[in-house]
Structure formats: structure tokens, C-alpha cells
Amino acid sequence: MFATRRASIVVVLLSGVLIPLTTGCTYTKNRLNDFTDVFGLGLGVGIGANMRVTQYVQAGVGLYDVATRFQNRAWRNVDYGTEFGLSPFFHYRASTEGRLTVLAKTLLDTKNQDNWNRWSDGNLWFFYPSPAEFEKNYDRRFLDFGVSAYLLIGMDLDFSILELGDFLVGLVTLDPYRDDAGSAPSETGK
């Protein structure tokens, strides 16, 4: 039994060495990129705090200004605004593209005030919007775990469950997000 366990460990370790050697540098680069996709980091100015366990369970209040954010392999500027609420009951966050959650339904386009009143419209409000649509032009990802704290200068840290899954299955060369070099582009646009 001990020999079988030792052999299993050797096979796993050899796989970790042989797969990158037989597939070239692209494999290693793709795994490193997938690993960095798991985490997000934002830096900026403002006052407030947010704690979230996905889009559906979060609490936050704050007033933020322009920040810079590393997410999906690139730094970009984000125009923050206000945030307040306790999701899934009510949570509003205005930014470049704001999001509003009321009774677990999410409105992706908060710029048009008429959309706020049409909660029953299934083309505007979603119980489960596609992650790609949710993340388009928005600095938070759909199933992130994260925390933000701003007291004049602040930081936003998050961890994406979906990206962790993409990284883990990528170890065996699967690519559900189709974001690896040589893959056809996915709807996430990465």
C-alpha cells in the first residue's frame, strides 16, 4: 500500500514536470496567466468598505473616486462612484457600469433610470446573468469573494471561484474560458 501511494506521488510529480516540457513554454505561460486571473487588486482613494461572497451576498457603503485595478491580466483605470446596500435584498454600486441587486435579481444597466422600475422584465433583470455579461465594463466579477477598505486611500482585493476552476482544469490542458494562447476567443473577451 505504501509503495502504491509513493508511486502515485511520483506519477503526479512527473506529470507536473513532463507536461510543461512536452508542450513547450506556452503551457507554463498559460498556467501562470490563469493563476493571476484568480486574483484581483484595486487601489484608489475614497471612504467606505465592502465585503462580498459573490454578487448575491455582500454588504457595502462608500464613496470612491478613480482607481486603478489589476484584473484579467491588465491594469486599467476604473471610475468609481457610490456604493450602498446589503445584497441580496438591495445593493447598488455606481461605477463606469453600475450594478443594482434587488431581491436577488441583478440589473446590469443602471444608467437608464427607466430600467429600475421594470423589475419583472426578464430581459433587463436577471436572477443569474451570464458571468461574461455581468463582468463586461465592470470591475467586479460575478462569483468573486472580496473585501474593500478605503479610508482616504484604500484597496480592493478579490478571489474568483470561476477563474480558480479555469486554472485547476487548465493543469490538465482543458480551457473552459478559452483564454489560453492558441484558443479561440471566448465571450469574456480576454
C-alpha atoms as a PDB file:
ATOM      1  CA  MET A   1       0.000   0.000   0.000  1.00  0.00           C
ATOM      2  CA  PHE A   2       2.823   2.386   0.879  1.00  0.00           C
ATOM      3  CA  ALA A   3       4.546   1.595  -2.455  1.00  0.00           C
ATOM      4  CA  THR A   4       1.317   2.321  -4.367  1.00  0.00           C
ATOM      5  CA  ARG A   5       0.952   5.648  -2.623  1.00  0.00           C
ATOM      6  CA  ARG A   6       4.592   6.516  -3.326  1.00  0.00           C
ATOM      7  CA  ALA A   7       4.129   5.547  -6.988  1.00  0.00           C
ATOM      8  CA  SER A   8       1.067   7.796  -7.218  1.00  0.00           C
ATOM      9  CA  ILE A   9       3.018  10.722  -5.839  1.00  0.00           C
ATOM     10  CA  VAL A  10       5.850  10.095  -8.311  1.00  0.00           C
ATOM     11  CA  VAL A  11       3.380   9.980 -11.235  1.00  0.00           C
ATOM     12  CA  VAL A  12       1.787  13.276 -10.169  1.00  0.00           C
ATOM     13  CA  LEU A  13       5.187  14.956  -9.763  1.00  0.00           C
ATOM     14  CA  LEU A  14       6.445  13.623 -13.092  1.00  0.00           C
ATOM     15  CA  SER A  15       3.264  14.824 -14.779  1.00  0.00           C
ATOM     16  CA  GLY A  16       3.893  18.276 -13.363  1.00  0.00           C
ATOM     17  CA  VAL A  17       7.346  18.252 -14.961  1.00  0.00           C
ATOM     18  CA  LEU A  18       6.649  16.332 -18.184  1.00  0.00           C
ATOM     19  CA  ILE A  19       3.524  18.196 -19.327  1.00  0.00           C
ATOM     20  CA  PRO A  20       5.286  21.581 -19.415  1.00  0.00           C
ATOM     21  CA  LEU A  21       8.375  20.046 -21.067  1.00  0.00           C
ATOM     22  CA  THR A  22       6.402  18.296 -23.792  1.00  0.00           C
ATOM     23  CA  THR A  23       4.073  21.200 -24.558  1.00  0.00           C
ATOM     24  CA  GLY A  24       6.665  23.971 -24.597  1.00  0.00           C
ATOM     25  CA  CYS A  25       6.629  27.337 -22.880  1.00  0.00           C
ATOM     26  CA  THR A  26       3.041  28.073 -23.905  1.00  0.00           C
ATOM     27  CA  TYR A  27       1.688  25.669 -21.295  1.00  0.00           C
ATOM     28  CA  THR A  28       3.638  27.324 -18.479  1.00  0.00           C
ATOM     29  CA  LYS A  29       2.705  30.829 -19.629  1.00  0.00           C
ATOM     30  CA  ASN A  30      -0.976  29.855 -19.854  1.00  0.00           C
ATOM     31  CA  ARG A  31      -0.942  28.369 -16.342  1.00  0.00           C
ATOM     32  CA  LEU A  32       0.720  31.482 -14.907  1.00  0.00           C
ATOM     33  CA  ASN A  33      -1.848  33.685 -16.675  1.00  0.00           C
ATOM     34  CA  ASP A  34      -4.709  31.513 -15.398  1.00  0.00           C
ATOM     35  CA  PHE A  35      -3.272  31.724 -11.875  1.00  0.00           C
ATOM     36  CA  THR A  36      -3.086  35.538 -11.958  1.00  0.00           C
ATOM     37  CA  ASP A  37      -6.705  35.627 -13.232  1.00  0.00           C
ATOM     38  CA  VAL A  38      -7.812  34.110  -9.906  1.00  0.00           C
ATOM     39  CA  PHE A  39      -6.954  37.323  -8.032  1.00  0.00           C
ATOM     40  CA  GLY A  40      -7.951  40.964  -8.460  1.00  0.00           C
ATOM     41  CA  LEU A  41      -6.422  44.063  -6.903  1.00  0.00           C
ATOM     42  CA  GLY A  42      -7.682  47.631  -6.871  1.00  0.00           C
ATOM     43  CA  LEU A  43      -6.024  50.748  -5.454  1.00  0.00           C
ATOM     44  CA  GLY A  44      -7.656  54.153  -5.111  1.00  0.00           C
ATOM     45  CA  VAL A  45      -8.987  56.934  -2.954  1.00  0.00           C
ATOM     46  CA  GLY A  46     -12.265  57.222  -1.116  1.00  0.00           C
ATOM     47  CA  ILE A  47     -14.029  56.271   2.078  1.00  0.00           C
ATOM     48  CA  GLY A  48     -16.019  53.098   2.618  1.00  0.00           C
ATOM     49  CA  ALA A  49     -15.933  49.333   2.862  1.00  0.00           C
ATOM     50  CA  ASN A  50     -17.408  46.270   1.177  1.00  0.00           C
ATOM     51  CA  MET A  51     -17.324  42.575   1.951  1.00  0.00           C
ATOM     52  CA  ARG A  52     -18.684  40.105  -0.588  1.00  0.00           C
ATOM     53  CA  VAL A  53     -19.150  36.403  -1.057  1.00  0.00           C
ATOM     54  CA  THR A  54     -20.331  36.551  -4.687  1.00  0.00           C
ATOM     55  CA  GLN A  55     -22.657  39.161  -6.162  1.00  0.00           C
ATOM     56  CA  TYR A  56     -25.571  37.795  -4.132  1.00  0.00           C
ATOM     57  CA  VAL A  57     -24.151  38.089  -0.631  1.00  0.00           C
ATOM     58  CA  GLN A  58     -22.435  41.397   0.024  1.00  0.00           C
ATOM     59  CA  ALA A  59     -22.606  44.454   2.202  1.00  0.00           C
ATOM     60  CA  GLY A  60     -21.056  47.773   1.441  1.00  0.00           C
ATOM     61  CA  VAL A  61     -21.206  51.509   1.802  1.00  0.00           C
ATOM     62  CA  GLY A  62     -18.840  54.070   0.400  1.00  0.00           C
ATOM     63  CA  LEU A  63     -17.911  56.924  -1.847  1.00  0.00           C
ATOM     64  CA  TYR A  64     -14.962  56.222  -4.130  1.00  0.00           C
ATOM     65  CA  ASP A  65     -13.017  58.116  -6.742  1.00  0.00           C
ATOM     66  CA  VAL A  66     -10.977  56.965  -9.721  1.00  0.00           C
ATOM     67  CA  ALA A  67      -8.802  53.965  -9.000  1.00  0.00           C
ATOM     68  CA  THR A  68      -6.543  51.621 -10.862  1.00  0.00           C
ATOM     69  CA  ARG A  69      -7.301  47.920 -10.935  1.00  0.00           C
ATOM     70  CA  PHE A  70      -5.459  44.763 -11.968  1.00  0.00           C
ATOM     71  CA  GLN A  71      -7.914  42.198 -13.285  1.00  0.00           C
ATOM     72  CA  ASN A  72      -7.928  39.785 -16.220  1.00  0.00           C
ATOM     73  CA  ARG A  73      -4.205  40.234 -16.875  1.00  0.00           C
ATOM     74  CA  ALA A  74      -4.183  44.017 -17.235  1.00  0.00           C
ATOM     75  CA  TRP A  75      -4.142  47.256 -15.257  1.00  0.00           C
ATOM     76  CA  ARG A  76      -6.944  49.671 -16.074  1.00  0.00           C
ATOM     77  CA  ASN A  77      -8.491  52.818 -14.646  1.00  0.00           C
ATOM     78  CA  VAL A  78     -11.914  52.479 -13.073  1.00  0.00           C
ATOM     79  CA  ASP A  79     -14.288  55.368 -12.420  1.00  0.00           C
ATOM     80  CA  TYR A  80     -15.878  54.527  -9.093  1.00  0.00           C
ATOM     81  CA  GLY A  81     -18.886  56.254  -7.625  1.00  0.00           C
ATOM     82  CA  THR A  82     -21.115  55.333  -4.718  1.00  0.00           C
ATOM     83  CA  GLU A  83     -21.996  52.013  -3.160  1.00  0.00           C
ATOM     84  CA  PHE A  84     -24.561  51.075  -0.538  1.00  0.00           C
ATOM     85  CA  GLY A  85     -26.699  48.160   0.478  1.00  0.00           C
ATOM     86  CA  LEU A  86     -26.955  44.616   1.725  1.00  0.00           C
ATOM     87  CA  SER A  87     -27.370  42.027  -1.011  1.00  0.00           C
ATOM     88  CA  PRO A  88     -29.485  40.007  -1.854  1.00  0.00           C
ATOM     89  CA  PHE A  89     -32.095  42.468  -0.560  1.00  0.00           C
ATOM     90  CA  PHE A  90     -30.784  45.708  -2.029  1.00  0.00           C
ATOM     91  CA  HIS A  91     -27.299  46.664  -3.190  1.00  0.00           C
ATOM     92  CA  TYR A  92     -26.409  49.493  -5.561  1.00  0.00           C
ATOM     93  CA  ARG A  93     -22.968  50.267  -6.917  1.00  0.00           C
ATOM     94  CA  ALA A  94     -22.369  53.071  -9.399  1.00  0.00           C
ATOM     95  CA  SER A  95     -19.192  52.934 -11.419  1.00  0.00           C
ATOM     96  CA  THR A  96     -18.360  53.046 -15.112  1.00  0.00           C
ATOM     97  CA  GLU A  97     -21.123  50.460 -15.484  1.00  0.00           C
ATOM     98  CA  GLY A  98     -23.120  50.166 -12.279  1.00  0.00           C
ATOM     99  CA  ARG A  99     -24.966  47.157 -10.934  1.00  0.00           C
ATOM    100  CA  LEU A 100     -28.147  47.009  -8.872  1.00  0.00           C
ATOM    101  CA  THR A 101     -29.376  43.946  -6.970  1.00  0.00           C
ATOM    102  CA  VAL A 102     -32.901  43.836  -5.541  1.00  0.00           C
ATOM    103  CA  LEU A 103     -34.293  40.643  -4.024  1.00  0.00           C
ATOM    104  CA  ALA A 104     -31.533  38.577  -5.687  1.00  0.00           C
ATOM    105  CA  LYS A 105     -32.264  39.949  -9.174  1.00  0.00           C
ATOM    106  CA  THR A 106     -29.499  41.936 -10.865  1.00  0.00           C
ATOM    107  CA  LEU A 107     -29.876  44.892 -13.200  1.00  0.00           C
ATOM    108  CA  LEU A 108     -26.845  45.235 -15.467  1.00  0.00           C
ATOM    109  CA  ASP A 109     -27.684  48.651 -16.949  1.00  0.00           C
ATOM    110  CA  THR A 110     -28.233  51.160 -14.144  1.00  0.00           C
ATOM    111  CA  LYS A 111     -27.616  54.244 -16.288  1.00  0.00           C
ATOM    112  CA  ASN A 112     -31.177  54.228 -17.659  1.00  0.00           C
ATOM    113  CA  GLN A 113     -33.436  55.095 -14.703  1.00  0.00           C
ATOM    114  CA  ASP A 114     -36.498  53.625 -16.514  1.00  0.00           C
ATOM    115  CA  ASN A 115     -34.943  50.168 -16.178  1.00  0.00           C
ATOM    116  CA  TRP A 116     -35.085  50.389 -12.385  1.00  0.00           C
ATOM    117  CA  ASN A 117     -38.882  50.264 -12.396  1.00  0.00           C
ATOM    118  CA  ARG A 118     -39.147  47.222 -14.670  1.00  0.00           C
ATOM    119  CA  TRP A 119     -38.022  44.599 -12.125  1.00  0.00           C
ATOM    120  CA  SER A 120     -40.214  41.894 -13.670  1.00  0.00           C
ATOM    121  CA  ASP A 121     -38.676  42.340 -17.163  1.00  0.00           C
ATOM    122  CA  GLY A 122     -36.570  39.210 -17.713  1.00  0.00           C
ATOM    123  CA  ASN A 123     -34.581  40.934 -20.460  1.00  0.00           C
ATOM    124  CA  LEU A 124     -33.291  43.599 -18.044  1.00  0.00           C
ATOM    125  CA  TRP A 125     -33.252  41.965 -14.596  1.00  0.00           C
ATOM    126  CA  PHE A 126     -31.617  38.556 -14.067  1.00  0.00           C
ATOM    127  CA  PHE A 127     -31.532  36.049 -11.234  1.00  0.00           C
ATOM    128  CA  TYR A 128     -28.421  34.597 -12.833  1.00  0.00           C
ATOM    129  CA  PRO A 129     -26.863  36.821 -15.504  1.00  0.00           C
ATOM    130  CA  SER A 130     -24.119  35.295 -17.622  1.00  0.00           C
ATOM    131  CA  PRO A 131     -20.738  35.970 -15.995  1.00  0.00           C
ATOM    132  CA  ALA A 132     -19.483  37.468 -19.276  1.00  0.00           C
ATOM    133  CA  GLU A 133     -22.348  39.968 -19.423  1.00  0.00           C
ATOM    134  CA  PHE A 134     -22.024  40.779 -15.731  1.00  0.00           C
ATOM    135  CA  GLU A 135     -18.287  41.435 -15.983  1.00  0.00           C
ATOM    136  CA  LYS A 136     -18.419  43.488 -19.191  1.00  0.00           C
ATOM    137  CA  ASN A 137     -17.276  47.049 -18.373  1.00  0.00           C
ATOM    138  CA  TYR A 138     -17.417  46.307 -14.649  1.00  0.00           C
ATOM    139  CA  ASP A 139     -14.567  45.978 -12.179  1.00  0.00           C
ATOM    140  CA  ARG A 140     -16.018  43.141 -10.088  1.00  0.00           C
ATOM    141  CA  ARG A 141     -16.539  39.600 -11.237  1.00  0.00           C
ATOM    142  CA  PHE A 142     -19.734  37.608 -10.799  1.00  0.00           C
ATOM    143  CA  LEU A 143     -18.638  34.965  -8.289  1.00  0.00           C
ATOM    144  CA  ASP A 144     -15.859  36.871  -6.506  1.00  0.00           C
ATOM    145  CA  PHE A 145     -15.053  36.643  -2.851  1.00  0.00           C
ATOM    146  CA  GLY A 146     -13.627  40.003  -1.881  1.00  0.00           C
ATOM    147  CA  VAL A 147     -13.120  42.843   0.518  1.00  0.00           C
ATOM    148  CA  SER A 148     -12.659  46.573   0.004  1.00  0.00           C
ATOM    149  CA  ALA A 149     -11.470  49.083   2.577  1.00  0.00           C
ATOM    150  CA  TYR A 150     -10.971  52.772   1.895  1.00  0.00           C
ATOM    151  CA  LEU A 151     -10.038  55.434   4.417  1.00  0.00           C
ATOM    152  CA  LEU A 152      -8.843  58.202   2.078  1.00  0.00           C
ATOM    153  CA  ILE A 153      -6.527  55.671   0.409  1.00  0.00           C
ATOM    154  CA  GLY A 154      -7.740  52.148   0.003  1.00  0.00           C
ATOM    155  CA  MET A 155      -7.523  48.720  -1.502  1.00  0.00           C
ATOM    156  CA  ASP A 156      -9.882  46.194  -3.075  1.00  0.00           C
ATOM    157  CA  LEU A 157      -8.857  42.510  -3.035  1.00  0.00           C
ATOM    158  CA  ASP A 158     -10.808  39.652  -4.558  1.00  0.00           C
ATOM    159  CA  PHE A 159     -10.655  35.984  -5.427  1.00  0.00           C
ATOM    160  CA  SER A 160     -12.630  34.442  -8.322  1.00  0.00           C
ATOM    161  CA  ILE A 161     -14.066  30.952  -7.958  1.00  0.00           C
ATOM    162  CA  LEU A 162     -14.672  30.647 -11.713  1.00  0.00           C
ATOM    163  CA  GLU A 163     -11.092  31.627 -12.527  1.00  0.00           C
ATOM    164  CA  LEU A 164      -9.808  29.153  -9.921  1.00  0.00           C
ATOM    165  CA  GLY A 165     -11.747  26.435 -11.731  1.00  0.00           C
ATOM    166  CA  ASP A 166     -10.261  27.560 -15.062  1.00  0.00           C
ATOM    167  CA  PHE A 167      -6.764  27.381 -13.538  1.00  0.00           C
ATOM    168  CA  LEU A 168      -7.274  23.934 -11.997  1.00  0.00           C
ATOM    169  CA  VAL A 169      -8.691  22.272 -15.099  1.00  0.00           C
ATOM    170  CA  GLY A 170      -6.015  24.062 -17.116  1.00  0.00           C
ATOM    171  CA  LEU A 171      -3.444  21.921 -15.323  1.00  0.00           C
ATOM    172  CA  VAL A 172      -4.703  19.035 -17.451  1.00  0.00           C
ATOM    173  CA  THR A 173      -4.844  21.304 -20.550  1.00  0.00           C
ATOM    174  CA  LEU A 174      -8.600  21.989 -20.520  1.00  0.00           C
ATOM    175  CA  ASP A 175      -9.596  25.626 -21.093  1.00  0.00           C
ATOM    176  CA  PRO A 176     -13.262  26.401 -20.291  1.00  0.00           C
ATOM    177  CA  TYR A 177     -12.722  30.189 -20.505  1.00  0.00           C
ATOM    178  CA  ARG A 178     -10.857  29.793 -23.826  1.00  0.00           C
ATOM    179  CA  ASP A 179      -8.346  32.382 -22.672  1.00  0.00           C
ATOM    180  CA  ASP A 180      -5.153  30.395 -23.245  1.00  0.00           C
ATOM    181  CA  ALA A 181      -2.763  31.275 -26.053  1.00  0.00           C
ATOM    182  CA  GLY A 182      -3.862  29.408 -29.173  1.00  0.00           C
ATOM    183  CA  SER A 183      -7.515  29.116 -28.043  1.00  0.00           C
ATOM    184  CA  ALA A 184     -10.415  30.633 -29.919  1.00  0.00           C
ATOM    185  CA  PRO A 185     -11.502  33.823 -28.084  1.00  0.00           C
ATOM    186  CA  SER A 186     -14.278  33.419 -25.554  1.00  0.00           C
ATOM    187  CA  GLU A 187     -17.246  35.642 -24.902  1.00  0.00           C
ATOM    188  CA  THR A 188     -15.403  37.082 -21.876  1.00  0.00           C
ATOM    189  CA  GLY A 189     -13.176  38.936 -24.306  1.00  0.00           C
ATOM    190  CA  LYS A 190      -9.923  38.022 -22.548  1.00  0.00           C
END
